[in-house]
Amino acid sequence: MTAPVRIYHNPRCSKSRSACAILAEKGITTEVIEYLKTPPDRATLTALLAKLGLRAEELVRKGEAIVKTKYAGRAMSDQDWLEAMLAHPILIERPIVVVGGRAVMARPPERVLELL
């Protein structure tokens, strides 16, 4: 594989750990970005959405407490959801695996194989 593999990872997430394990089993070196420690900026998050082919709302973890306390019942545009994810990176669904101009939401973790 010539393009670098990048994974937006939360080590506390079992799906994220499983995706890392699948890549390691395949002998693929990855750039691991712990997105809660190093959140993506607006340009990066916008580029990720484009590579994933998703609208901002589709990348939001709706079960997080901050959604229930701060955003529940509000009419939210994609721009609003983008702002919410920038303000609260915990809202970003994970893991996201990127290879070149392509990306997958690795849920289930085996989806990483689509990029290999």
Protein backbone atom coordinates (compact mmCIF):
# COMPACT_ATOMS: atom_id res chain seq x y z
CA MET A 1 0.00 0.00 0.00
CA THR A 2 1.55 3.29 -1.09
CA ALA A 3 -0.81 5.83 0.48
CA PRO A 4 -0.44 6.34 4.23
CA VAL A 5 -3.18 4.96 6.45
CA ARG A 6 -4.56 7.29 9.10
CA ILE A 7 -7.04 6.33 11.80
CA TYR A 8 -8.99 8.75 13.96
CA HIS A 9 -9.02 6.72 17.13
CA ASN A 10 -10.35 6.66 20.66
CA PRO A 11 -8.44 4.04 22.69
CA ARG A 12 -11.43 3.62 25.02
CA CYS A 13 -13.63 2.49 22.12
CA SER A 14 -13.68 -1.26 21.41
CA LYS A 15 -14.58 -0.73 17.72
CA SER A 16 -11.67 1.65 17.34
CA ARG A 17 -9.26 -0.78 19.03
CA SER A 18 -10.56 -3.59 16.79
CA ALA A 19 -9.98 -1.53 13.64
CA CYS A 20 -6.40 -0.84 14.77
CA ALA A 21 -5.91 -4.56 15.43
CA ILE A 22 -7.16 -5.50 11.94
CA LEU A 23 -4.72 -3.06 10.36
CA ALA A 24 -1.87 -4.36 12.54
CA GLU A 25 -2.71 -7.98 11.63
CA LYS A 26 -2.38 -7.01 7.97
CA GLY A 27 1.04 -5.53 8.70
CA ILE A 28 -0.12 -2.03 7.86
CA THR A 29 1.59 0.85 9.59
CA THR A 30 -0.90 3.52 10.56
CA GLU A 31 -0.79 7.08 11.72
CA VAL A 32 -2.99 7.02 14.81
CA ILE A 33 -4.71 10.27 15.70
CA GLU A 34 -6.34 10.27 19.11
CA TYR A 35 -8.93 12.82 18.08
CA LEU A 36 -9.98 13.64 21.63
CA LYS A 37 -6.40 14.75 22.40
CA THR A 38 -5.81 16.30 18.95
CA PRO A 39 -9.22 17.28 17.55
CA PRO A 40 -9.56 17.93 13.85
CA ASP A 41 -9.88 21.53 12.78
CA ARG A 42 -12.69 22.77 10.53
CA ALA A 43 -10.83 22.08 7.28
CA THR A 44 -9.86 18.56 8.37
CA LEU A 45 -13.35 17.68 9.58
CA THR A 46 -14.90 19.06 6.39
CA ALA A 47 -12.43 17.04 4.29
CA LEU A 48 -13.21 13.89 6.31
CA LEU A 49 -16.93 14.34 5.70
CA ALA A 50 -16.30 14.72 1.97
CA LYS A 51 -14.12 11.58 1.86
CA LEU A 52 -16.74 9.66 3.84
CA GLY A 53 -19.56 10.96 1.65
CA LEU A 54 -21.52 11.89 4.77
CA ARG A 55 -23.43 14.90 5.96
CA ALA A 56 -22.22 16.34 9.28
CA GLU A 57 -25.25 15.02 11.17
CA GLU A 58 -24.45 11.48 10.02
CA LEU A 59 -21.08 11.63 11.79
CA VAL A 60 -22.52 12.66 15.16
CA ARG A 61 -22.67 10.22 18.06
CA LYS A 62 -26.26 10.98 19.05
CA GLY A 63 -26.09 8.91 22.25
CA GLU A 64 -23.55 11.19 23.91
CA ALA A 65 -24.77 13.08 26.96
CA ILE A 66 -23.86 16.47 25.44
CA VAL A 67 -26.32 15.83 22.59
CA LYS A 68 -29.09 15.09 25.06
CA THR A 69 -28.36 18.08 27.27
CA LYS A 70 -27.35 20.74 24.75
CA TYR A 71 -28.74 19.80 21.33
CA ALA A 72 -31.85 17.66 21.91
CA GLY A 73 -34.98 19.05 20.33
CA ARG A 74 -33.13 21.74 18.37
CA ALA A 75 -33.39 22.05 14.62
CA MET A 76 -29.76 21.60 13.55
CA SER A 77 -28.32 22.25 10.11
CA ASP A 78 -25.22 20.45 8.89
CA GLN A 79 -23.27 23.62 9.69
CA ASP A 80 -24.68 23.54 13.25
CA TRP A 81 -23.61 19.89 13.64
CA LEU A 82 -20.16 20.72 12.27
CA GLU A 83 -19.83 23.48 14.87
CA ALA A 84 -21.02 21.08 17.58
CA MET A 85 -18.37 18.49 16.63
CA LEU A 86 -15.67 21.16 16.56
CA ALA A 87 -16.73 22.35 20.02
CA HIS A 88 -17.20 18.81 21.41
CA PRO A 89 -14.98 16.27 19.58
CA ILE A 90 -16.51 13.43 21.64
CA LEU A 91 -19.46 13.78 19.26
CA ILE A 92 -17.40 12.54 16.30
CA GLU A 93 -18.19 8.92 15.46
CA ARG A 94 -15.18 6.64 15.40
CA PRO A 95 -13.08 5.07 14.13
CA ILE A 96 -12.53 6.87 10.84
CA VAL A 97 -9.89 5.30 8.62
CA VAL A 98 -8.40 7.31 5.73
CA VAL A 99 -6.26 6.09 2.85
CA GLY A 100 -5.46 8.77 0.30
CA GLY A 101 -8.68 10.35 -0.93
CA ARG A 102 -10.91 7.63 0.52
CA ALA A 103 -12.25 7.04 4.01
CA VAL A 104 -14.59 4.71 5.88
CA MET A 105 -16.38 4.82 9.16
CA ALA A 106 -15.08 1.51 10.49
CA ARG A 107 -18.29 0.35 12.13
CA PRO A 108 -18.11 -2.57 12.04
CA PRO A 109 -14.30 -2.56 12.27
CA GLU A 110 -13.99 -4.91 9.29
CA ARG A 111 -14.95 -2.00 7.04
CA VAL A 112 -11.26 -1.01 7.09
CA LEU A 113 -10.73 -3.86 4.63
CA GLU A 114 -12.66 -1.85 2.02
CA LEU A 115 -9.69 0.52 1.80
CA LEU A 116 -6.98 -2.12 1.47
